[in-house]
């Protein structure tokens, strides 16, 4: 976790890594072990590089020179199932366009028919069999 602390070097001017604004000497700043103590953030500026979720007092990950929340760090390593919203660790999964599913979750969102090896249509991120796709259009 990052540490919120009073200024560790009171004589040195502190600049926030995110907003580049100065940190007043009497205000707390966030230090990250993974970034090194020469970098600091205003507490409200220590956020996930992907979604801007505040990360003070949370477990965070360090990637590409910035803090990431757990959700987006994991998504950067493995796909997330569009059916159950969990990370897919198996090598055997279904990918269509920018979406991924566990094999057992690759089902029609209308009738829940398993679609592996069958015809399907993806419309606006929704996975449908041809029958449900036709009924949605009518």
N, C-alpha and C. Protein backbone atom coordinates (compact mmCIF):
# COMPACT_ATOMS: atom_id res chain seq x y z
N UNK A 1 0.83 -1.18 0.00
CA UNK A 1 0.00 0.00 0.00
C UNK A 1 0.88 1.24 0.00
N UNK A 2 0.34 2.30 -0.54
CA UNK A 2 1.03 3.58 -0.54
C UNK A 2 0.96 4.16 0.87
N UNK A 3 1.86 5.04 1.18
CA UNK A 3 1.90 5.65 2.50
C UNK A 3 1.55 7.12 2.39
N UNK A 4 0.60 7.56 3.22
CA UNK A 4 0.30 8.98 3.32
C UNK A 4 1.10 9.48 4.51
N UNK A 5 1.91 10.49 4.27
CA UNK A 5 2.78 10.98 5.34
C UNK A 5 2.98 12.48 5.21
N UNK A 6 3.38 13.08 6.30
CA UNK A 6 3.80 14.47 6.25
C UNK A 6 5.10 14.51 5.48
N UNK A 7 5.47 15.63 5.03
CA UNK A 7 6.67 15.83 4.22
C UNK A 7 7.90 15.21 4.88
N UNK A 8 8.54 14.25 4.20
CA UNK A 8 9.74 13.61 4.73
C UNK A 8 10.98 14.47 4.56
N UNK A 9 10.98 15.35 3.60
CA UNK A 9 12.10 16.28 3.35
C UNK A 9 11.55 17.69 3.32
N UNK A 10 11.37 18.33 4.49
CA UNK A 10 10.69 19.61 4.55
C UNK A 10 11.35 20.73 3.75
N UNK A 11 12.63 20.67 3.47
CA UNK A 11 13.31 21.75 2.75
C UNK A 11 13.18 21.65 1.23
N UNK A 12 12.67 20.52 0.73
CA UNK A 12 12.60 20.29 -0.71
C UNK A 12 11.17 20.54 -1.19
N UNK A 13 11.03 21.30 -2.29
CA UNK A 13 9.71 21.57 -2.85
C UNK A 13 9.15 20.29 -3.46
N UNK A 14 7.91 19.96 -3.11
CA UNK A 14 7.27 18.74 -3.59
C UNK A 14 6.29 19.07 -4.71
N UNK A 15 6.35 18.28 -5.79
CA UNK A 15 5.46 18.44 -6.93
C UNK A 15 4.73 17.12 -7.14
N UNK A 16 3.42 17.19 -7.27
CA UNK A 16 2.59 16.00 -7.47
C UNK A 16 2.88 15.39 -8.84
N UNK A 17 3.06 14.08 -8.88
CA UNK A 17 3.34 13.37 -10.13
C UNK A 17 2.19 13.46 -11.13
N UNK A 18 0.96 13.54 -10.65
CA UNK A 18 -0.18 13.55 -11.57
C UNK A 18 -0.53 14.96 -12.05
N UNK A 19 -0.82 15.85 -11.13
CA UNK A 19 -1.30 17.18 -11.53
C UNK A 19 -0.18 18.20 -11.68
N UNK A 20 1.00 17.84 -11.23
CA UNK A 20 2.19 18.71 -11.28
C UNK A 20 2.06 19.95 -10.40
N UNK A 21 1.04 19.95 -9.54
CA UNK A 21 0.86 21.06 -8.60
C UNK A 21 1.77 20.90 -7.39
N UNK A 22 2.11 22.01 -6.77
CA UNK A 22 2.96 21.98 -5.58
C UNK A 22 2.16 21.47 -4.38
N UNK A 23 2.82 20.73 -3.53
CA UNK A 23 2.21 20.27 -2.29
C UNK A 23 2.66 21.21 -1.18
N UNK A 24 1.72 21.89 -0.53
CA UNK A 24 2.11 22.78 0.57
C UNK A 24 2.87 22.01 1.65
N UNK A 25 3.85 22.66 2.28
CA UNK A 25 4.69 21.97 3.27
C UNK A 25 3.91 21.34 4.42
N UNK A 26 2.75 21.88 4.77
CA UNK A 26 2.01 21.35 5.92
C UNK A 26 0.95 20.32 5.52
N UNK A 27 0.86 19.96 4.23
CA UNK A 27 -0.17 19.00 3.81
C UNK A 27 0.44 17.61 3.60
N UNK A 28 -0.38 16.57 3.77
CA UNK A 28 0.14 15.21 3.55
C UNK A 28 0.34 14.93 2.07
N UNK A 29 1.29 14.05 1.78
CA UNK A 29 1.54 13.58 0.42
C UNK A 29 1.59 12.06 0.46
N UNK A 30 1.39 11.45 -0.71
CA UNK A 30 1.44 9.99 -0.82
C UNK A 30 2.78 9.61 -1.42
N UNK A 31 3.43 8.63 -0.78
CA UNK A 31 4.67 8.05 -1.28
C UNK A 31 4.39 6.60 -1.64
N UNK A 32 4.98 6.13 -2.72
CA UNK A 32 4.81 4.75 -3.15
C UNK A 32 6.17 4.06 -3.12
N UNK A 33 6.26 2.95 -2.41
CA UNK A 33 7.51 2.18 -2.38
C UNK A 33 7.96 1.82 -3.80
N UNK A 34 7.00 1.47 -4.62
CA UNK A 34 7.32 0.99 -5.97
C UNK A 34 7.80 2.11 -6.89
N UNK A 35 7.41 3.35 -6.60
CA UNK A 35 7.82 4.48 -7.44
C UNK A 35 9.11 5.11 -6.94
N UNK A 36 9.43 4.87 -5.67
CA UNK A 36 10.58 5.52 -5.06
C UNK A 36 10.13 6.77 -4.31
N UNK A 37 10.86 7.12 -3.28
CA UNK A 37 10.45 8.22 -2.42
C UNK A 37 10.77 9.60 -2.99
N UNK A 38 11.30 9.66 -4.20
CA UNK A 38 11.49 10.95 -4.83
C UNK A 38 10.23 11.39 -5.58
N UNK A 39 9.23 10.52 -5.65
CA UNK A 39 7.96 10.85 -6.30
C UNK A 39 6.87 10.88 -5.24
N UNK A 40 5.95 11.81 -5.39
CA UNK A 40 4.84 11.92 -4.45
C UNK A 40 3.61 12.46 -5.15
N UNK A 41 2.46 12.26 -4.52
CA UNK A 41 1.17 12.66 -5.06
C UNK A 41 0.36 13.34 -3.97
N UNK A 42 -0.53 14.24 -4.36
CA UNK A 42 -1.57 14.67 -3.43
C UNK A 42 -2.41 13.42 -3.16
N UNK A 43 -2.97 13.24 -1.98
CA UNK A 43 -3.78 12.05 -1.73
C UNK A 43 -4.91 11.86 -2.76
N UNK A 44 -5.52 12.93 -3.22
CA UNK A 44 -6.60 12.80 -4.20
C UNK A 44 -6.09 12.51 -5.61
N UNK A 45 -4.80 12.67 -5.83
CA UNK A 45 -4.21 12.42 -7.15
C UNK A 45 -3.61 11.03 -7.30
N UNK A 46 -3.53 10.26 -6.20
CA UNK A 46 -2.98 8.91 -6.28
C UNK A 46 -4.10 7.98 -6.72
N UNK A 47 -4.25 7.83 -8.06
CA UNK A 47 -5.38 7.13 -8.65
C UNK A 47 -4.89 6.13 -9.70
N UNK A 48 -5.76 5.19 -10.06
CA UNK A 48 -5.46 4.21 -11.10
C UNK A 48 -5.25 4.93 -12.44
N UNK A 49 -4.19 4.56 -13.14
CA UNK A 49 -3.87 5.17 -14.43
C UNK A 49 -4.94 4.86 -15.48
N UNK A 50 -5.70 3.81 -15.29
CA UNK A 50 -6.70 3.39 -16.29
C UNK A 50 -8.09 3.97 -16.01
N UNK A 51 -8.54 3.93 -14.74
CA UNK A 51 -9.92 4.31 -14.44
C UNK A 51 -10.05 5.48 -13.47
N UNK A 52 -8.94 5.96 -12.93
CA UNK A 52 -8.92 7.09 -11.98
C UNK A 52 -9.55 6.77 -10.63
N UNK A 53 -9.68 5.48 -10.28
CA UNK A 53 -10.17 5.11 -8.96
C UNK A 53 -9.13 5.54 -7.92
N UNK A 54 -9.56 6.20 -6.84
CA UNK A 54 -8.60 6.58 -5.78
C UNK A 54 -7.96 5.32 -5.18
N UNK A 55 -6.65 5.37 -4.96
CA UNK A 55 -5.93 4.19 -4.49
C UNK A 55 -5.31 4.35 -3.10
N UNK A 56 -5.46 5.50 -2.49
CA UNK A 56 -4.92 5.68 -1.14
C UNK A 56 -5.59 4.66 -0.23
N UNK A 57 -4.82 3.97 0.59
CA UNK A 57 -5.29 2.94 1.53
C UNK A 57 -5.80 1.68 0.84
N UNK A 58 -5.52 1.51 -0.45
CA UNK A 58 -5.90 0.28 -1.15
C UNK A 58 -4.65 -0.42 -1.67
N UNK A 59 -4.78 -1.71 -1.93
CA UNK A 59 -3.71 -2.43 -2.60
C UNK A 59 -3.69 -1.96 -4.04
N UNK A 60 -2.52 -1.66 -4.54
CA UNK A 60 -2.39 -1.20 -5.91
C UNK A 60 -1.23 -1.94 -6.57
N UNK A 61 -1.14 -1.82 -7.88
CA UNK A 61 -0.07 -2.45 -8.65
C UNK A 61 0.66 -1.36 -9.41
N UNK A 62 1.92 -1.60 -9.70
CA UNK A 62 2.74 -0.62 -10.41
C UNK A 62 3.03 -1.17 -11.79
N UNK A 63 2.63 -0.43 -12.82
CA UNK A 63 2.85 -0.88 -14.19
C UNK A 63 3.08 0.34 -15.08
N UNK A 64 4.08 0.24 -15.94
CA UNK A 64 4.38 1.31 -16.90
C UNK A 64 4.58 2.66 -16.21
N UNK A 65 5.17 2.63 -15.03
CA UNK A 65 5.48 3.88 -14.34
C UNK A 65 4.31 4.56 -13.66
N UNK A 66 3.23 3.83 -13.42
CA UNK A 66 2.04 4.43 -12.81
C UNK A 66 1.31 3.41 -11.93
N UNK A 67 0.53 3.90 -10.96
CA UNK A 67 -0.27 2.97 -10.14
C UNK A 67 -1.52 2.51 -10.89
N UNK A 68 -1.87 1.24 -10.70
CA UNK A 68 -3.07 0.66 -11.31
C UNK A 68 -3.89 -0.02 -10.22
N UNK A 69 -5.22 0.02 -10.32
CA UNK A 69 -6.08 -0.75 -9.42
C UNK A 69 -5.95 -2.23 -9.80
N UNK A 70 -6.35 -3.10 -8.88
CA UNK A 70 -6.24 -4.54 -9.12
C UNK A 70 -7.02 -5.00 -10.33
N UNK A 71 -8.22 -4.47 -10.52
CA UNK A 71 -9.06 -4.88 -11.65
C UNK A 71 -8.36 -4.63 -12.98
N UNK A 72 -7.86 -3.44 -13.19
CA UNK A 72 -7.27 -3.10 -14.48
C UNK A 72 -5.88 -3.69 -14.67
N UNK A 73 -5.14 -3.87 -13.58
CA UNK A 73 -3.85 -4.54 -13.71
C UNK A 73 -4.06 -5.98 -14.19
N UNK A 74 -5.00 -6.69 -13.57
CA UNK A 74 -5.27 -8.07 -13.98
C UNK A 74 -5.77 -8.14 -15.41
N UNK A 75 -6.62 -7.20 -15.80
CA UNK A 75 -7.11 -7.16 -17.18
C UNK A 75 -5.99 -6.90 -18.18
N UNK A 76 -4.93 -6.25 -17.74
CA UNK A 76 -3.82 -6.00 -18.66
C UNK A 76 -3.00 -7.27 -18.91
N UNK A 77 -3.18 -8.27 -18.04
CA UNK A 77 -2.44 -9.53 -18.18
C UNK A 77 -3.28 -10.64 -18.79
N UNK A 78 -4.56 -10.69 -18.44
CA UNK A 78 -5.45 -11.76 -18.88
C UNK A 78 -6.79 -11.15 -19.27
N UNK A 79 -7.55 -11.82 -20.16
CA UNK A 79 -8.87 -11.29 -20.53
C UNK A 79 -9.89 -11.47 -19.40
N UNK A 80 -10.94 -10.69 -19.44
CA UNK A 80 -12.04 -10.78 -18.48
C UNK A 80 -13.26 -11.34 -19.21
N UNK A 81 -13.94 -12.30 -18.61
CA UNK A 81 -15.11 -12.94 -19.21
C UNK A 81 -16.29 -11.97 -19.26
N UNK A 82 -16.87 -11.82 -20.44
CA UNK A 82 -18.03 -10.95 -20.61
C UNK A 82 -19.28 -11.57 -19.99
N UNK A 83 -19.25 -12.86 -19.72
CA UNK A 83 -20.40 -13.54 -19.13
C UNK A 83 -20.46 -13.43 -17.62
N UNK A 84 -19.32 -13.59 -16.94
CA UNK A 84 -19.32 -13.61 -15.48
C UNK A 84 -18.49 -12.50 -14.85
N UNK A 85 -17.76 -11.74 -15.65
CA UNK A 85 -16.94 -10.61 -15.19
C UNK A 85 -15.72 -11.05 -14.37
N UNK A 86 -15.31 -12.29 -14.51
CA UNK A 86 -14.11 -12.79 -13.81
C UNK A 86 -12.95 -12.88 -14.79
N UNK A 87 -11.73 -12.84 -14.25
CA UNK A 87 -10.54 -13.00 -15.08
C UNK A 87 -10.50 -14.44 -15.60
N UNK A 88 -10.11 -14.62 -16.85
CA UNK A 88 -10.01 -15.95 -17.46
C UNK A 88 -8.56 -16.42 -17.35
N UNK A 89 -8.34 -17.45 -16.56
CA UNK A 89 -6.99 -18.00 -16.41
C UNK A 89 -6.74 -19.17 -17.35
N UNK A 90 -7.81 -19.82 -17.80
CA UNK A 90 -7.68 -20.97 -18.70
C UNK A 90 -7.18 -20.50 -20.06
N UNK A 91 -6.46 -21.37 -20.74
CA UNK A 91 -6.00 -21.06 -22.09
C UNK A 91 -7.11 -21.32 -23.11
N UNK A 92 -8.10 -22.13 -22.74
CA UNK A 92 -9.20 -22.48 -23.62
C UNK A 92 -10.39 -21.56 -23.33
N UNK A 93 -10.55 -20.52 -24.13
CA UNK A 93 -11.67 -19.61 -23.98
C UNK A 93 -12.05 -19.08 -25.36
N UNK A 94 -13.21 -18.44 -25.43
CA UNK A 94 -13.72 -17.93 -26.70
C UNK A 94 -13.49 -16.42 -26.78
N UNK A 95 -12.93 -15.96 -27.89
CA UNK A 95 -12.72 -14.53 -28.09
C UNK A 95 -13.43 -14.12 -29.38
N UNK A 96 -14.20 -13.03 -29.30
CA UNK A 96 -14.87 -12.46 -30.46
C UNK A 96 -14.69 -10.95 -30.37
N UNK A 97 -14.13 -10.37 -31.44
CA UNK A 97 -13.81 -8.95 -31.46
C UNK A 97 -12.95 -8.64 -30.23
N UNK A 98 -13.33 -7.66 -29.42
CA UNK A 98 -12.55 -7.32 -28.22
C UNK A 98 -13.10 -7.96 -26.96
N UNK A 99 -13.98 -8.93 -27.10
CA UNK A 99 -14.63 -9.56 -25.95
C UNK A 99 -14.13 -10.99 -25.78
N UNK A 100 -14.23 -11.52 -24.55
CA UNK A 100 -13.80 -12.89 -24.25
C UNK A 100 -14.80 -13.54 -23.30
N UNK A 101 -14.89 -14.86 -23.38
CA UNK A 101 -15.79 -15.63 -22.52
C UNK A 101 -15.10 -16.93 -22.12
N UNK A 102 -15.37 -17.40 -20.88
CA UNK A 102 -15.09 -18.80 -20.56
C UNK A 102 -15.95 -19.61 -21.52
N UNK A 103 -15.52 -20.79 -21.91
CA UNK A 103 -16.31 -21.61 -22.84
C UNK A 103 -17.74 -21.83 -22.33
N UNK A 104 -17.88 -22.09 -21.03
CA UNK A 104 -19.21 -22.38 -20.48
C UNK A 104 -20.11 -21.14 -20.43
N UNK A 105 -19.53 -19.95 -20.56
CA UNK A 105 -20.32 -18.72 -20.54
C UNK A 105 -20.56 -18.14 -21.94
N UNK A 106 -20.08 -18.85 -22.96
CA UNK A 106 -20.27 -18.40 -24.34
C UNK A 106 -21.66 -18.86 -24.78
N UNK A 107 -22.69 -18.15 -24.29
CA UNK A 107 -24.08 -18.52 -24.51
C UNK A 107 -24.88 -17.32 -25.03
N UNK A 108 -25.99 -17.62 -25.66
CA UNK A 108 -26.90 -16.59 -26.14
C UNK A 108 -27.49 -15.85 -24.94
N UNK A 109 -27.46 -14.53 -24.99
CA UNK A 109 -28.01 -13.74 -23.89
C UNK A 109 -29.53 -13.74 -23.89
N UNK A 110 -30.14 -14.21 -24.97
CA UNK A 110 -31.59 -14.29 -25.03
C UNK A 110 -32.14 -15.59 -24.49
N UNK A 111 -31.60 -16.72 -24.97
CA UNK A 111 -32.14 -18.04 -24.61
C UNK A 111 -31.16 -18.92 -23.83
N UNK A 112 -29.94 -18.44 -23.63
CA UNK A 112 -28.89 -19.15 -22.89
C UNK A 112 -28.42 -20.44 -23.55
N UNK A 113 -28.63 -20.57 -24.85
CA UNK A 113 -28.15 -21.72 -25.60
C UNK A 113 -26.62 -21.60 -25.75
N UNK A 114 -25.90 -22.69 -25.51
CA UNK A 114 -24.45 -22.71 -25.69
C UNK A 114 -24.13 -22.47 -27.16
N UNK A 115 -23.21 -21.55 -27.45
CA UNK A 115 -22.95 -21.15 -28.83
C UNK A 115 -21.63 -21.65 -29.39
N UNK A 116 -20.82 -22.35 -28.63
CA UNK A 116 -19.56 -22.88 -29.15
C UNK A 116 -19.84 -23.79 -30.33
N UNK A 117 -19.22 -23.51 -31.47
CA UNK A 117 -19.40 -24.30 -32.68
C UNK A 117 -20.69 -24.02 -33.42
N UNK A 118 -21.44 -22.99 -32.98
CA UNK A 118 -22.70 -22.65 -33.63
C UNK A 118 -22.66 -21.22 -34.16
N UNK A 119 -23.63 -20.88 -34.95
CA UNK A 119 -23.74 -19.51 -35.47
C UNK A 119 -24.13 -18.57 -34.33
N UNK A 120 -23.61 -17.36 -34.37
CA UNK A 120 -23.94 -16.34 -33.37
C UNK A 120 -23.74 -14.97 -33.98
N UNK A 121 -24.30 -13.98 -33.33
CA UNK A 121 -24.20 -12.59 -33.78
C UNK A 121 -23.85 -11.75 -32.55
N UNK A 122 -22.90 -10.84 -32.70
CA UNK A 122 -22.57 -9.90 -31.63
C UNK A 122 -23.05 -8.53 -32.07
N UNK A 123 -23.99 -7.98 -31.33
CA UNK A 123 -24.54 -6.66 -31.64
C UNK A 123 -24.45 -5.80 -30.39
N UNK A 124 -23.70 -4.69 -30.49
CA UNK A 124 -23.52 -3.76 -29.37
C UNK A 124 -23.06 -4.50 -28.12
N UNK A 125 -22.12 -5.41 -28.29
CA UNK A 125 -21.57 -6.16 -27.16
C UNK A 125 -22.45 -7.27 -26.64
N UNK A 126 -23.60 -7.49 -27.26
CA UNK A 126 -24.54 -8.54 -26.83
C UNK A 126 -24.39 -9.76 -27.74
N UNK A 127 -24.21 -10.92 -27.14
CA UNK A 127 -24.02 -12.18 -27.85
C UNK A 127 -25.38 -12.87 -28.01
N UNK A 128 -25.77 -13.13 -29.26
CA UNK A 128 -27.09 -13.71 -29.52
C UNK A 128 -27.00 -14.82 -30.56
N UNK A 129 -27.90 -15.81 -30.43
CA UNK A 129 -28.07 -16.81 -31.49
C UNK A 129 -28.87 -16.16 -32.60
N UNK A 130 -28.88 -16.72 -33.81
CA UNK A 130 -29.64 -16.10 -34.91
C UNK A 130 -31.13 -15.92 -34.61
N UNK A 131 -31.74 -16.87 -33.92
CA UNK A 131 -33.18 -16.79 -33.61
C UNK A 131 -33.47 -15.60 -32.69
N UNK A 132 -32.68 -15.45 -31.62
CA UNK A 132 -32.90 -14.34 -30.68
C UNK A 132 -32.55 -13.00 -31.32
N UNK A 133 -31.57 -13.02 -32.21
CA UNK A 133 -31.19 -11.79 -32.90
C UNK A 133 -32.35 -11.30 -33.78
N UNK A 134 -33.01 -12.24 -34.47
CA UNK A 134 -34.17 -11.87 -35.32
C UNK A 134 -35.30 -11.34 -34.47
N UNK A 135 -35.57 -11.97 -33.33
CA UNK A 135 -36.69 -11.51 -32.48
C UNK A 135 -36.39 -10.16 -31.83
N UNK A 136 -35.14 -9.84 -31.60
CA UNK A 136 -34.76 -8.53 -31.03
C UNK A 136 -34.99 -7.42 -32.05
N UNK A 137 -34.80 -7.74 -33.33
CA UNK A 137 -34.97 -6.74 -34.39
C UNK A 137 -36.43 -6.48 -34.70
N UNK A 138 -37.29 -7.46 -34.43
CA UNK A 138 -38.72 -7.29 -34.77
C UNK A 138 -39.44 -6.44 -33.76
